[in-house]
Amino acid sequence: MPQISTEEYERLPLRAHAFLAGVPLHDVWAIDLPRMRSGITLGEFLRAAGGPPFKPSRVVRALLRLRFFVGGLFGWDRERQPAVVGETFSTRLTSTDRSSSLALAGMREGPFRLVYRFENEQLLELVNRTAHAAALSALVETATAYRFYFGVYVQNVGRFTPVYMTLIDPFRKLIVYPSLLRSVRATWEQTFGTG
């Protein structure tokens, strides 16, 4: 469940590279999944799993509850209005993007809103007082396995964004993302078997 190089990620044929031009890539992670058969797409995985592949552990749920409690006290999680942010990422969608998406932009997925979901790529967005962030999930078939990518983009919404990201980075990198990626593997194995 390593954090991977941006070079590996940027070599992937993803719509997000052009779509999020100008939005800084904060980091990207990947996990290899067993290959049972060829042709499995992210869309098929999400449909077969019955929803998001991330199943937070008890520790991660506790950290998230604490974060949302603190965020509630300080008003961090109130959505910023597009006029304040400048734009939501969904305003960048072309008519081709909209017609290719397997789901409608703006649908809620936990604290996030869906921007697009293609067969092998999904982009979610979060706009609040701490950051304007995007979470990209992608599934790539390799010669021997599948590789699930999770990219995090963060655009500043003020002077607090870099401070906030610095404060949460140890938790994200050491606990939250490794746990979420392990849960992706568990969901994959429950959905498709271990190969």
C-alpha atoms as a PDB file:
ATOM      1  CA  MET A   1       0.000   0.000   0.000  1.00  0.00           C
ATOM      2  CA  PRO A   2       2.723   2.401  -0.912  1.00  0.00           C
ATOM      3  CA  GLN A   3       2.585   6.030  -1.622  1.00  0.00           C
ATOM      4  CA  ILE A   4       3.881   6.069  -5.191  1.00  0.00           C
ATOM      5  CA  SER A   5       5.749   8.516  -7.373  1.00  0.00           C
ATOM      6  CA  THR A   6       3.893  11.175  -9.272  1.00  0.00           C
ATOM      7  CA  GLU A   7       5.807  10.053 -12.368  1.00  0.00           C
ATOM      8  CA  GLU A   8       4.161   6.607 -12.329  1.00  0.00           C
ATOM      9  CA  TYR A   9       0.772   8.180 -11.799  1.00  0.00           C
ATOM     10  CA  GLU A  10       1.193  10.794 -14.520  1.00  0.00           C
ATOM     11  CA  ARG A  11       2.033   8.083 -17.079  1.00  0.00           C
ATOM     12  CA  LEU A  12      -1.473   6.628 -16.667  1.00  0.00           C
ATOM     13  CA  PRO A  13      -4.006   7.525 -19.385  1.00  0.00           C
ATOM     14  CA  LEU A  14      -6.391   9.346 -17.039  1.00  0.00           C
ATOM     15  CA  ARG A  15      -8.826  12.140 -17.831  1.00  0.00           C
ATOM     16  CA  ALA A  16      -7.937  13.698 -14.465  1.00  0.00           C
ATOM     17  CA  HIS A  17      -4.505  14.823 -15.668  1.00  0.00           C
ATOM     18  CA  ALA A  18      -5.996  17.357 -18.097  1.00  0.00           C
ATOM     19  CA  PHE A  19      -9.238  17.841 -16.191  1.00  0.00           C
ATOM     20  CA  LEU A  20      -7.480  18.971 -13.003  1.00  0.00           C
ATOM     21  CA  ALA A  21      -4.784  21.008 -14.744  1.00  0.00           C
ATOM     22  CA  GLY A  22      -3.612  23.680 -12.322  1.00  0.00           C
ATOM     23  CA  VAL A  23      -4.807  21.801  -9.218  1.00  0.00           C
ATOM     24  CA  PRO A  24      -1.829  20.514  -7.194  1.00  0.00           C
ATOM     25  CA  LEU A  25      -1.522  16.748  -6.768  1.00  0.00           C
ATOM     26  CA  HIS A  26      -0.949  16.315  -3.035  1.00  0.00           C
ATOM     27  CA  ASP A  27      -0.056  12.636  -3.161  1.00  0.00           C
ATOM     28  CA  VAL A  28      -0.986   9.367  -4.803  1.00  0.00           C
ATOM     29  CA  TRP A  29      -1.213   5.826  -3.474  1.00  0.00           C
ATOM     30  CA  ALA A  30      -1.621   2.419  -5.076  1.00  0.00           C
ATOM     31  CA  ILE A  31      -2.423  -1.137  -4.099  1.00  0.00           C
ATOM     32  CA  ASP A  32      -2.127  -4.267  -6.207  1.00  0.00           C
ATOM     33  CA  LEU A  33      -5.159  -6.534  -6.382  1.00  0.00           C
ATOM     34  CA  PRO A  34      -5.200 -10.208  -7.442  1.00  0.00           C
ATOM     35  CA  ARG A  35      -6.161 -10.898 -11.021  1.00  0.00           C
ATOM     36  CA  MET A  36      -8.917 -13.490 -11.320  1.00  0.00           C
ATOM     37  CA  ARG A  37      -9.851 -12.692 -14.904  1.00  0.00           C
ATOM     38  CA  SER A  38      -9.218  -9.947 -17.382  1.00  0.00           C
ATOM     39  CA  GLY A  39     -11.510  -7.075 -18.186  1.00  0.00           C
ATOM     40  CA  ILE A  40     -12.674  -5.984 -14.717  1.00  0.00           C
ATOM     41  CA  THR A  41     -13.318  -2.251 -14.671  1.00  0.00           C
ATOM     42  CA  LEU A  42     -13.661   0.158 -11.783  1.00  0.00           C
ATOM     43  CA  GLY A  43     -17.321   0.558 -12.709  1.00  0.00           C
ATOM     44  CA  GLU A  44     -17.870  -3.188 -12.492  1.00  0.00           C
ATOM     45  CA  PHE A  45     -15.995  -3.324  -9.177  1.00  0.00           C
ATOM     46  CA  LEU A  46     -18.132  -0.554  -7.664  1.00  0.00           C
ATOM     47  CA  ARG A  47     -21.372  -2.118  -8.930  1.00  0.00           C
ATOM     48  CA  ALA A  48     -20.435  -5.621  -7.745  1.00  0.00           C
ATOM     49  CA  ALA A  49     -19.253  -4.310  -4.358  1.00  0.00           C
ATOM     50  CA  GLY A  50     -22.526  -2.433  -3.942  1.00  0.00           C
ATOM     51  CA  GLY A  51     -20.895   0.958  -3.415  1.00  0.00           C
ATOM     52  CA  PRO A  52     -17.597   2.519  -2.480  1.00  0.00           C
ATOM     53  CA  PRO A  53     -14.768   0.010  -1.975  1.00  0.00           C
ATOM     54  CA  PHE A  54     -13.473   1.873   1.096  1.00  0.00           C
ATOM     55  CA  LYS A  55     -14.555   0.422   4.438  1.00  0.00           C
ATOM     56  CA  PRO A  56     -12.937   2.441   7.241  1.00  0.00           C
ATOM     57  CA  SER A  57     -11.531   0.492  10.188  1.00  0.00           C
ATOM     58  CA  ARG A  58     -12.613   1.290  13.755  1.00  0.00           C
ATOM     59  CA  VAL A  59      -9.481   3.377  14.264  1.00  0.00           C
ATOM     60  CA  VAL A  60     -10.117   5.350  11.079  1.00  0.00           C
ATOM     61  CA  ARG A  61     -13.796   5.815  11.979  1.00  0.00           C
ATOM     62  CA  ALA A  62     -12.733   7.133  15.406  1.00  0.00           C
ATOM     63  CA  LEU A  63     -10.249   9.554  13.809  1.00  0.00           C
ATOM     64  CA  LEU A  64     -12.899  10.734  11.355  1.00  0.00           C
ATOM     65  CA  ARG A  65     -15.443  11.245  14.149  1.00  0.00           C
ATOM     66  CA  LEU A  66     -12.862  13.296  16.054  1.00  0.00           C
ATOM     67  CA  ARG A  67     -12.022  15.303  12.928  1.00  0.00           C
ATOM     68  CA  PHE A  68     -15.690  15.999  12.157  1.00  0.00           C
ATOM     69  CA  PHE A  69     -16.336  16.937  15.802  1.00  0.00           C
ATOM     70  CA  VAL A  70     -13.471  19.457  15.756  1.00  0.00           C
ATOM     71  CA  GLY A  71     -14.535  20.592  12.282  1.00  0.00           C
ATOM     72  CA  GLY A  72     -18.055  21.155  13.576  1.00  0.00           C
ATOM     73  CA  LEU A  73     -16.773  23.265  16.464  1.00  0.00           C
ATOM     74  CA  PHE A  74     -14.722  25.488  14.168  1.00  0.00           C
ATOM     75  CA  GLY A  75     -17.106  25.453  11.190  1.00  0.00           C
ATOM     76  CA  TRP A  76     -14.521  23.835   8.920  1.00  0.00           C
ATOM     77  CA  ASP A  77     -16.987  21.549   7.146  1.00  0.00           C
ATOM     78  CA  ARG A  78     -19.454  24.123   5.942  1.00  0.00           C
ATOM     79  CA  GLU A  79     -19.473  24.022   2.171  1.00  0.00           C
ATOM     80  CA  ARG A  80     -17.988  27.067   0.535  1.00  0.00           C
ATOM     81  CA  GLN A  81     -20.096  28.690  -2.126  1.00  0.00           C
ATOM     82  CA  PRO A  82     -18.787  28.484  -5.722  1.00  0.00           C
ATOM     83  CA  ALA A  83     -18.539  32.294  -5.801  1.00  0.00           C
ATOM     84  CA  VAL A  84     -16.041  32.088  -2.919  1.00  0.00           C
ATOM     85  CA  VAL A  85     -14.105  29.088  -4.272  1.00  0.00           C
ATOM     86  CA  GLY A  86     -14.121  30.285  -7.870  1.00  0.00           C
ATOM     87  CA  GLU A  87     -15.563  27.103  -9.334  1.00  0.00           C
ATOM     88  CA  THR A  88     -16.419  23.570  -8.473  1.00  0.00           C
ATOM     89  CA  PHE A  89     -14.631  20.926 -10.478  1.00  0.00           C
ATOM     90  CA  SER A  90     -17.918  19.860 -12.035  1.00  0.00           C
ATOM     91  CA  THR A  91     -18.033  23.179 -13.926  1.00  0.00           C
ATOM     92  CA  ARG A  92     -15.036  21.876 -15.914  1.00  0.00           C
ATOM     93  CA  LEU A  93     -17.041  18.960 -17.331  1.00  0.00           C
ATOM     94  CA  THR A  94     -17.402  18.957 -21.085  1.00  0.00           C
ATOM     95  CA  SER A  95     -20.472  17.581 -22.834  1.00  0.00           C
ATOM     96  CA  THR A  96     -18.350  14.523 -23.723  1.00  0.00           C
ATOM     97  CA  ASP A  97     -17.434  14.066 -20.036  1.00  0.00           C
ATOM     98  CA  ARG A  98     -21.093  14.298 -19.023  1.00  0.00           C
ATOM     99  CA  SER A  99     -22.256  11.811 -21.643  1.00  0.00           C
ATOM    100  CA  SER A 100     -19.427   9.368 -20.780  1.00  0.00           C
ATOM    101  CA  SER A 101     -20.027   9.492 -17.029  1.00  0.00           C
ATOM    102  CA  LEU A 102     -21.796   6.497 -15.514  1.00  0.00           C
ATOM    103  CA  ALA A 103     -23.352   8.698 -12.806  1.00  0.00           C
ATOM    104  CA  LEU A 104     -24.594  12.269 -12.534  1.00  0.00           C
ATOM    105  CA  ALA A 105     -22.280  14.988 -11.317  1.00  0.00           C
ATOM    106  CA  GLY A 106     -23.191  16.320  -7.888  1.00  0.00           C
ATOM    107  CA  MET A 107     -24.387  13.035  -6.377  1.00  0.00           C
ATOM    108  CA  ARG A 108     -23.400  12.737  -2.705  1.00  0.00           C
ATOM    109  CA  GLU A 109     -20.918  10.078  -1.658  1.00  0.00           C
ATOM    110  CA  GLY A 110     -20.358  10.627   2.055  1.00  0.00           C
ATOM    111  CA  PRO A 111     -18.885  14.114   2.530  1.00  0.00           C
ATOM    112  CA  PHE A 112     -17.900  14.213  -1.150  1.00  0.00           C
ATOM    113  CA  ARG A 113     -19.763  15.047  -4.350  1.00  0.00           C
ATOM    114  CA  LEU A 114     -19.265  13.028  -7.505  1.00  0.00           C
ATOM    115  CA  VAL A 115     -17.683  14.903 -10.407  1.00  0.00           C
ATOM    116  CA  TYR A 116     -17.541  11.970 -12.846  1.00  0.00           C
ATOM    117  CA  ARG A 117     -17.407   8.186 -12.942  1.00  0.00           C
ATOM    118  CA  PHE A 118     -15.984   6.579 -16.067  1.00  0.00           C
ATOM    119  CA  GLU A 119     -15.391   2.853 -16.511  1.00  0.00           C
ATOM    120  CA  ASN A 120     -11.932   2.962 -14.910  1.00  0.00           C
ATOM    121  CA  GLU A 121     -11.759   6.362 -13.250  1.00  0.00           C
ATOM    122  CA  GLN A 122     -13.825   8.221 -10.663  1.00  0.00           C
ATOM    123  CA  LEU A 123     -13.391  11.745  -9.336  1.00  0.00           C
ATOM    124  CA  LEU A 124     -14.958  13.014  -6.123  1.00  0.00           C
ATOM    125  CA  GLU A 125     -14.828  16.572  -4.809  1.00  0.00           C
ATOM    126  CA  LEU A 126     -14.929  18.216  -1.385  1.00  0.00           C
ATOM    127  CA  VAL A 127     -15.237  21.964  -0.965  1.00  0.00           C
ATOM    128  CA  ASN A 128     -15.195  23.371   2.543  1.00  0.00           C
ATOM    129  CA  ARG A 129     -13.402  25.979   4.634  1.00  0.00           C
ATOM    130  CA  THR A 130     -10.221  23.867   4.921  1.00  0.00           C
ATOM    131  CA  ALA A 131      -9.583  22.941   1.282  1.00  0.00           C
ATOM    132  CA  HIS A 132     -10.962  22.397  -2.185  1.00  0.00           C
ATOM    133  CA  ALA A 133      -9.979  18.756  -2.631  1.00  0.00           C
ATOM    134  CA  ALA A 134     -10.466  15.987  -5.146  1.00  0.00           C
ATOM    135  CA  ALA A 135     -10.081  12.241  -4.660  1.00  0.00           C
ATOM    136  CA  LEU A 136      -9.352  10.213  -7.775  1.00  0.00           C
ATOM    137  CA  SER A 137      -9.833   6.437  -7.857  1.00  0.00           C
ATOM    138  CA  ALA A 138      -8.614   4.492 -10.873  1.00  0.00           C
ATOM    139  CA  LEU A 139      -8.265   0.811 -11.731  1.00  0.00           C
ATOM    140  CA  VAL A 140      -5.616  -0.354 -14.203  1.00  0.00           C
ATOM    141  CA  GLU A 141      -5.152  -3.919 -15.410  1.00  0.00           C
ATOM    142  CA  THR A 142      -1.529  -5.059 -15.612  1.00  0.00           C
ATOM    143  CA  ALA A 143      -0.071  -8.272 -17.039  1.00  0.00           C
ATOM    144  CA  THR A 144      -0.357 -10.108 -13.717  1.00  0.00           C
ATOM    145  CA  ALA A 145      -2.732  -8.116 -11.493  1.00  0.00           C
ATOM    146  CA  TYR A 146      -4.868  -5.026 -11.168  1.00  0.00           C
ATOM    147  CA  ARG A 147      -3.596  -1.829  -9.630  1.00  0.00           C
ATOM    148  CA  PHE A 148      -5.951   0.488  -7.748  1.00  0.00           C
ATOM    149  CA  TYR A 149      -4.766   4.102  -7.621  1.00  0.00           C
ATOM    150  CA  PHE A 150      -5.921   6.745  -5.160  1.00  0.00           C
ATOM    151  CA  GLY A 151      -4.832  10.304  -5.915  1.00  0.00           C
ATOM    152  CA  VAL A 152      -5.460  13.317  -3.711  1.00  0.00           C
ATOM    153  CA  TYR A 153      -5.512  16.831  -5.131  1.00  0.00           C
ATOM    154  CA  VAL A 154      -5.666  19.879  -2.870  1.00  0.00           C
ATOM    155  CA  GLN A 155      -6.290  23.449  -3.894  1.00  0.00           C
ATOM    156  CA  ASN A 156      -5.863  26.180  -1.289  1.00  0.00           C
ATOM    157  CA  VAL A 157      -8.952  28.082  -0.222  1.00  0.00           C
ATOM    158  CA  GLY A 158      -7.009  30.359   2.108  1.00  0.00           C
ATOM    159  CA  ARG A 159      -3.982  30.632   4.341  1.00  0.00           C
ATOM    160  CA  PHE A 160      -5.309  27.869   6.597  1.00  0.00           C
ATOM    161  CA  THR A 161      -5.184  25.137   3.914  1.00  0.00           C
ATOM    162  CA  PRO A 162      -1.412  24.437   4.093  1.00  0.00           C
ATOM    163  CA  VAL A 163      -1.508  24.497   7.906  1.00  0.00           C
ATOM    164  CA  TYR A 164      -4.470  22.145   7.965  1.00  0.00           C
ATOM    165  CA  MET A 165      -2.865  19.724   5.504  1.00  0.00           C
ATOM    166  CA  THR A 166       0.375  19.718   7.505  1.00  0.00           C
ATOM    167  CA  LEU A 167      -1.580  18.917  10.685  1.00  0.00           C
ATOM    168  CA  ILE A 168      -3.499  15.998   9.183  1.00  0.00           C
ATOM    169  CA  ASP A 169      -0.741  14.561   6.964  1.00  0.00           C
ATOM    170  CA  PRO A 170       0.729  12.208   9.603  1.00  0.00           C
ATOM    171  CA  PHE A 171      -2.705  10.691  10.260  1.00  0.00           C
ATOM    172  CA  ARG A 172      -3.529  10.454   6.540  1.00  0.00           C
ATOM    173  CA  LYS A 173      -0.208   8.885   5.589  1.00  0.00           C
ATOM    174  CA  LEU A 174       0.355   6.568   8.551  1.00  0.00           C
ATOM    175  CA  ILE A 175      -3.171   5.456   9.440  1.00  0.00           C
ATOM    176  CA  VAL A 176      -6.040   6.554   7.206  1.00  0.00           C
ATOM    177  CA  TYR A 177      -4.884   5.831   3.649  1.00  0.00           C
ATOM    178  CA  PRO A 178      -3.074   2.546   4.402  1.00  0.00           C
ATOM    179  CA  SER A 179      -6.213   1.341   6.213  1.00  0.00           C
ATOM    180  CA  LEU A 180      -8.529   2.451   3.406  1.00  0.00           C
ATOM    181  CA  LEU A 181      -6.381   0.743   0.781  1.00  0.00           C
ATOM    182  CA  ARG A 182      -6.324  -2.489   2.812  1.00  0.00           C
ATOM    183  CA  SER A 183     -10.112  -2.253   2.855  1.00  0.00           C
ATOM    184  CA  VAL A 184     -10.123  -1.896  -0.953  1.00  0.00           C
ATOM    185  CA  ARG A 185      -8.195  -5.171  -1.170  1.00  0.00           C
ATOM    186  CA  ALA A 186     -10.614  -6.841   1.284  1.00  0.00           C
ATOM    187  CA  THR A 187     -13.624  -5.569  -0.693  1.00  0.00           C
ATOM    188  CA  TRP A 188     -12.019  -6.802  -3.931  1.00  0.00           C
ATOM    189  CA  GLU A 189     -11.387 -10.258  -2.473  1.00  0.00           C
ATOM    190  CA  GLN A 190     -14.928 -10.477  -1.045  1.00  0.00           C
ATOM    191  CA  THR A 191     -16.357  -9.376  -4.387  1.00  0.00           C
ATOM    192  CA  PHE A 192     -14.251 -11.388  -6.819  1.00  0.00           C
ATOM    193  CA  GLY A 193     -12.437 -13.983  -4.699  1.00  0.00           C
ATOM    194  CA  THR A 194      -8.701 -14.244  -4.150  1.00  0.00           C
ATOM    195  CA  GLY A 195      -7.763 -15.692  -7.533  1.00  0.00           C
END
